[in-house]
Amino acid sequence: ETDVRKWIADMISKLKWIEQEVRLKQERELMLKQQVTRGHEHAQELVQSSEEDKRYFLSELAKQRDLLENLIRRKTGADETDVNRQRTLRQLQEQVVQLTEHLEKSAKALRASSAALKEKQKLVDELEDRQASRRARQDIMDRYAQFRSKISDFQN
């Protein structure tokens, strides 16, 4: 009878430990899922921001083009018009370079966010694999306990 009580107490403590481990794992999984969600939302914000920047810069390019056309109309002399055209063209080229650099930076940030999301998804998958492994281990432990119980019954 004392062995049974010890065994029951041992099983209760093991079950409490397993319950605590499961709770901790669920909390970690929830935290990781929230991180993945935040990362995904951040990536979406970056994409939206990139699209807004693209629209803004295209609008700025159109304004600059209009300014260039107005400058050309205002100039009367061919030499003066040519000089102004070249200066405006250089400015536009510089702006295009700046816009291109900005778009490349935004794309790089988006790729980095995407890579981070993939990494977090791997972590979530690993956690799910570990949980499945723990469940299988628990099943084996349960079967072993049943086996020991039956052996004990046979011995008595």
C-alpha atoms as a PDB file:
ATOM      1  CA  GLU A   1       0.000   0.000   0.000  1.00  0.00           C
ATOM      2  CA  THR A   2       2.901   2.379   0.757  1.00  0.00           C
ATOM      3  CA  ASP A   3       4.433   1.566  -2.628  1.00  0.00           C
ATOM      4  CA  VAL A   4       1.163   2.414  -4.323  1.00  0.00           C
ATOM      5  CA  ARG A   5       0.973   5.711  -2.475  1.00  0.00           C
ATOM      6  CA  LYS A   6       4.565   6.520  -3.375  1.00  0.00           C
ATOM      7  CA  TRP A   7       3.885   5.583  -6.953  1.00  0.00           C
ATOM      8  CA  ILE A   8       0.718   7.744  -7.024  1.00  0.00           C
ATOM      9  CA  ALA A   9       2.610  10.666  -5.426  1.00  0.00           C
ATOM     10  CA  ASP A  10       5.420  10.195  -7.938  1.00  0.00           C
ATOM     11  CA  MET A  11       2.965  10.109 -10.843  1.00  0.00           C
ATOM     12  CA  ILE A  12       1.150  13.221  -9.540  1.00  0.00           C
ATOM     13  CA  SER A  13       4.432  15.137  -9.306  1.00  0.00           C
ATOM     14  CA  LYS A  14       5.406  14.001 -12.801  1.00  0.00           C
ATOM     15  CA  LEU A  15       2.020  15.064 -14.157  1.00  0.00           C
ATOM     16  CA  LYS A  16       2.374  18.460 -12.500  1.00  0.00           C
ATOM     17  CA  TRP A  17       5.841  18.829 -14.022  1.00  0.00           C
ATOM     18  CA  ILE A  18       4.523  17.873 -17.457  1.00  0.00           C
ATOM     19  CA  GLU A  19       1.610  20.295 -17.063  1.00  0.00           C
ATOM     20  CA  GLN A  20       4.036  23.085 -16.183  1.00  0.00           C
ATOM     21  CA  GLU A  21       6.252  22.237 -19.169  1.00  0.00           C
ATOM     22  CA  VAL A  22       3.245  22.269 -21.504  1.00  0.00           C
ATOM     23  CA  ARG A  23       2.147  25.668 -20.141  1.00  0.00           C
ATOM     24  CA  LEU A  24       5.652  27.084 -20.628  1.00  0.00           C
ATOM     25  CA  LYS A  25       5.779  25.719 -24.150  1.00  0.00           C
ATOM     26  CA  GLN A  26       2.379  27.179 -24.966  1.00  0.00           C
ATOM     27  CA  GLU A  27       3.466  30.563 -23.635  1.00  0.00           C
ATOM     28  CA  ARG A  28       6.656  30.422 -25.728  1.00  0.00           C
ATOM     29  CA  GLU A  29       4.681  29.419 -28.798  1.00  0.00           C
ATOM     30  CA  LEU A  30       2.219  32.248 -28.249  1.00  0.00           C
ATOM     31  CA  MET A  31       5.085  34.706 -27.848  1.00  0.00           C
ATOM     32  CA  LEU A  32       6.757  33.439 -31.033  1.00  0.00           C
ATOM     33  CA  LYS A  33       3.495  33.600 -32.961  1.00  0.00           C
ATOM     34  CA  GLN A  34       3.008  37.176 -31.781  1.00  0.00           C
ATOM     35  CA  GLN A  35       6.540  38.015 -32.881  1.00  0.00           C
ATOM     36  CA  VAL A  36       5.880  36.467 -36.285  1.00  0.00           C
ATOM     37  CA  THR A  37       2.649  38.452 -36.559  1.00  0.00           C
ATOM     38  CA  ARG A  38       4.410  41.668 -35.617  1.00  0.00           C
ATOM     39  CA  GLY A  39       7.177  40.887 -38.106  1.00  0.00           C
ATOM     40  CA  HIS A  40       4.620  40.213 -40.819  1.00  0.00           C
ATOM     41  CA  GLU A  41       2.795  43.454 -40.030  1.00  0.00           C
ATOM     42  CA  HIS A  42       6.100  45.317 -40.075  1.00  0.00           C
ATOM     43  CA  ALA A  43       6.943  43.826 -43.464  1.00  0.00           C
ATOM     44  CA  GLN A  44       3.528  44.865 -44.779  1.00  0.00           C
ATOM     45  CA  GLU A  45       4.089  48.370 -43.442  1.00  0.00           C
ATOM     46  CA  LEU A  46       7.471  48.482 -45.183  1.00  0.00           C
ATOM     47  CA  VAL A  47       5.901  47.384 -48.448  1.00  0.00           C
ATOM     48  CA  GLN A  48       3.163  49.990 -48.108  1.00  0.00           C
ATOM     49  CA  SER A  49       5.696  52.649 -47.184  1.00  0.00           C
ATOM     50  CA  SER A  50       7.806  51.664 -50.171  1.00  0.00           C
ATOM     51  CA  GLU A  51       4.780  51.979 -52.463  1.00  0.00           C
ATOM     52  CA  GLU A  52       3.934  55.385 -50.986  1.00  0.00           C
ATOM     53  CA  ASP A  53       7.538  56.499 -51.438  1.00  0.00           C
ATOM     54  CA  LYS A  54       7.427  55.282 -55.025  1.00  0.00           C
ATOM     55  CA  ARG A  55       4.243  57.264 -55.730  1.00  0.00           C
ATOM     56  CA  TYR A  56       5.694  60.332 -54.034  1.00  0.00           C
ATOM     57  CA  PHE A  57       8.935  60.162 -55.978  1.00  0.00           C
ATOM     58  CA  LEU A  58       7.134  59.583 -59.262  1.00  0.00           C
ATOM     59  CA  SER A  59       5.026  62.635 -58.463  1.00  0.00           C
ATOM     60  CA  GLU A  60       8.178  64.605 -57.708  1.00  0.00           C
ATOM     61  CA  LEU A  61       9.698  63.435 -60.972  1.00  0.00           C
ATOM     62  CA  ALA A  62       6.595  64.621 -62.839  1.00  0.00           C
ATOM     63  CA  LYS A  63       6.850  68.006 -61.111  1.00  0.00           C
ATOM     64  CA  GLN A  64      10.506  68.241 -62.021  1.00  0.00           C
ATOM     65  CA  ARG A  65       9.699  67.332 -65.609  1.00  0.00           C
ATOM     66  CA  ASP A  66       7.065  70.090 -65.673  1.00  0.00           C
ATOM     67  CA  LEU A  67       9.580  72.529 -64.241  1.00  0.00           C
ATOM     68  CA  LEU A  68      12.074  71.522 -66.876  1.00  0.00           C
ATOM     69  CA  GLU A  69       9.534  72.064 -69.645  1.00  0.00           C
ATOM     70  CA  ASN A  70       8.614  75.493 -68.227  1.00  0.00           C
ATOM     71  CA  LEU A  71      12.268  76.482 -68.084  1.00  0.00           C
ATOM     72  CA  ILE A  72      12.760  75.453 -71.669  1.00  0.00           C
ATOM     73  CA  ARG A  73       9.799  77.557 -72.829  1.00  0.00           C
ATOM     74  CA  ARG A  74      11.003  80.634 -70.950  1.00  0.00           C
ATOM     75  CA  LYS A  75      14.424  80.697 -72.465  1.00  0.00           C
ATOM     76  CA  THR A  76      14.817  82.448 -75.743  1.00  0.00           C
ATOM     77  CA  GLY A  77      18.409  81.920 -76.680  1.00  0.00           C
ATOM     78  CA  ALA A  78      19.472  78.529 -77.878  1.00  0.00           C
ATOM     79  CA  ASP A  79      22.699  78.558 -75.824  1.00  0.00           C
ATOM     80  CA  GLU A  80      20.930  79.726 -72.672  1.00  0.00           C
ATOM     81  CA  THR A  81      18.202  77.133 -73.148  1.00  0.00           C
ATOM     82  CA  ASP A  82      20.800  74.415 -73.636  1.00  0.00           C
ATOM     83  CA  VAL A  83      22.706  75.372 -70.466  1.00  0.00           C
ATOM     84  CA  ASN A  84      19.514  75.394 -68.390  1.00  0.00           C
ATOM     85  CA  ARG A  85      18.402  72.121 -69.894  1.00  0.00           C
ATOM     86  CA  GLN A  86      21.674  70.466 -68.969  1.00  0.00           C
ATOM     87  CA  ARG A  87      21.558  71.820 -65.420  1.00  0.00           C
ATOM     88  CA  THR A  88      17.988  70.645 -64.924  1.00  0.00           C
ATOM     89  CA  LEU A  89      18.808  67.297 -66.472  1.00  0.00           C
ATOM     90  CA  ARG A  90      21.710  66.867 -64.027  1.00  0.00           C
ATOM     91  CA  GLN A  91      19.406  67.711 -61.125  1.00  0.00           C
ATOM     92  CA  LEU A  92      16.848  65.243 -62.359  1.00  0.00           C
ATOM     93  CA  GLN A  93      19.532  62.619 -62.810  1.00  0.00           C
ATOM     94  CA  GLU A  94      20.734  63.253 -59.264  1.00  0.00           C
ATOM     95  CA  GLN A  95      17.185  62.967 -58.003  1.00  0.00           C
ATOM     96  CA  VAL A  96      16.704  59.751 -59.945  1.00  0.00           C
ATOM     97  CA  VAL A  97      19.888  58.388 -58.367  1.00  0.00           C
ATOM     98  CA  GLN A  98      18.665  59.427 -54.908  1.00  0.00           C
ATOM     99  CA  LEU A  99      15.256  57.916 -55.543  1.00  0.00           C
ATOM    100  CA  THR A 100      16.833  54.725 -56.824  1.00  0.00           C
ATOM    101  CA  GLU A 101      19.054  54.474 -53.747  1.00  0.00           C
ATOM    102  CA  HIS A 102      16.060  55.027 -51.492  1.00  0.00           C
ATOM    103  CA  LEU A 103      14.033  52.358 -53.299  1.00  0.00           C
ATOM    104  CA  GLU A 104      16.963  49.935 -53.067  1.00  0.00           C
ATOM    105  CA  LYS A 105      17.276  50.577 -49.323  1.00  0.00           C
ATOM    106  CA  SER A 106      13.548  49.992 -48.891  1.00  0.00           C
ATOM    107  CA  ALA A 107      13.757  46.763 -50.900  1.00  0.00           C
ATOM    108  CA  LYS A 108      16.744  45.605 -48.828  1.00  0.00           C
ATOM    109  CA  ALA A 109      14.849  46.298 -45.602  1.00  0.00           C
ATOM    110  CA  LEU A 110      11.883  44.368 -46.992  1.00  0.00           C
ATOM    111  CA  ARG A 111      14.105  41.402 -47.866  1.00  0.00           C
ATOM    112  CA  ALA A 112      15.629  41.482 -44.365  1.00  0.00           C
ATOM    113  CA  SER A 113      12.150  41.483 -42.811  1.00  0.00           C
ATOM    114  CA  SER A 114      11.134  38.594 -45.047  1.00  0.00           C
ATOM    115  CA  ALA A 115      14.227  36.619 -43.997  1.00  0.00           C
ATOM    116  CA  ALA A 116      13.450  37.326 -40.347  1.00  0.00           C
ATOM    117  CA  LEU A 117       9.881  36.079 -40.861  1.00  0.00           C
ATOM    118  CA  LYS A 118      11.178  32.877 -42.442  1.00  0.00           C
ATOM    119  CA  GLU A 119      13.560  32.364 -39.515  1.00  0.00           C
ATOM    120  CA  LYS A 120      10.758  32.880 -37.002  1.00  0.00           C
ATOM    121  CA  GLN A 121       8.570  30.440 -38.927  1.00  0.00           C
ATOM    122  CA  LYS A 122      11.376  27.869 -38.679  1.00  0.00           C
ATOM    123  CA  LEU A 123      11.424  28.373 -34.924  1.00  0.00           C
ATOM    124  CA  VAL A 124       7.668  27.851 -34.719  1.00  0.00           C
ATOM    125  CA  ASP A 125       8.006  24.665 -36.811  1.00  0.00           C
ATOM    126  CA  GLU A 126      10.787  23.402 -34.541  1.00  0.00           C
ATOM    127  CA  LEU A 127       8.657  24.061 -31.491  1.00  0.00           C
ATOM    128  CA  GLU A 128       5.800  22.106 -33.036  1.00  0.00           C
ATOM    129  CA  ASP A 129       8.187  19.219 -33.784  1.00  0.00           C
ATOM    130  CA  ARG A 130       9.412  19.256 -30.196  1.00  0.00           C
ATOM    131  CA  GLN A 131       5.849  19.207 -28.924  1.00  0.00           C
ATOM    132  CA  ALA A 132       5.077  16.175 -31.097  1.00  0.00           C
ATOM    133  CA  SER A 133       8.219  14.475 -29.798  1.00  0.00           C
ATOM    134  CA  ARG A 134       7.196  15.173 -26.217  1.00  0.00           C
ATOM    135  CA  ARG A 135       3.750  13.757 -26.874  1.00  0.00           C
ATOM    136  CA  ALA A 136       5.304  10.588 -28.303  1.00  0.00           C
ATOM    137  CA  ARG A 137       7.658  10.331 -25.335  1.00  0.00           C
ATOM    138  CA  GLN A 138       4.685  10.740 -22.980  1.00  0.00           C
ATOM    139  CA  ASP A 139       2.794   8.000 -24.803  1.00  0.00           C
ATOM    140  CA  ILE A 140       5.787   5.690 -24.357  1.00  0.00           C
ATOM    141  CA  MET A 141       6.047   6.604 -20.687  1.00  0.00           C
ATOM    142  CA  ASP A 142       2.317   5.903 -20.251  1.00  0.00           C
ATOM    143  CA  ARG A 143       2.639   2.510 -21.944  1.00  0.00           C
ATOM    144  CA  TYR A 144       5.685   1.703 -19.829  1.00  0.00           C
ATOM    145  CA  ALA A 145       3.778   2.647 -16.668  1.00  0.00           C
ATOM    146  CA  GLN A 146       0.917   0.372 -17.729  1.00  0.00           C
ATOM    147  CA  PHE A 147       3.395  -2.381 -18.444  1.00  0.00           C
ATOM    148  CA  ARG A 148       5.004  -1.964 -15.006  1.00  0.00           C
ATOM    149  CA  SER A 149       1.590  -1.990 -13.416  1.00  0.00           C
ATOM    150  CA  LYS A 150       0.663  -5.235 -15.160  1.00  0.00           C
ATOM    151  CA  ILE A 151       4.005  -6.815 -14.232  1.00  0.00           C
ATOM    152  CA  SER A 152       3.464  -5.700 -10.652  1.00  0.00           C
ATOM    153  CA  ASP A 153      -0.031  -7.218 -10.695  1.00  0.00           C
ATOM    154  CA  PHE A 154       1.361 -10.504 -12.030  1.00  0.00           C
ATOM    155  CA  GLN A 155       4.055 -10.596  -9.378  1.00  0.00           C
ATOM    156  CA  ASN A 156       1.516 -10.060  -6.603  1.00  0.00           C
END
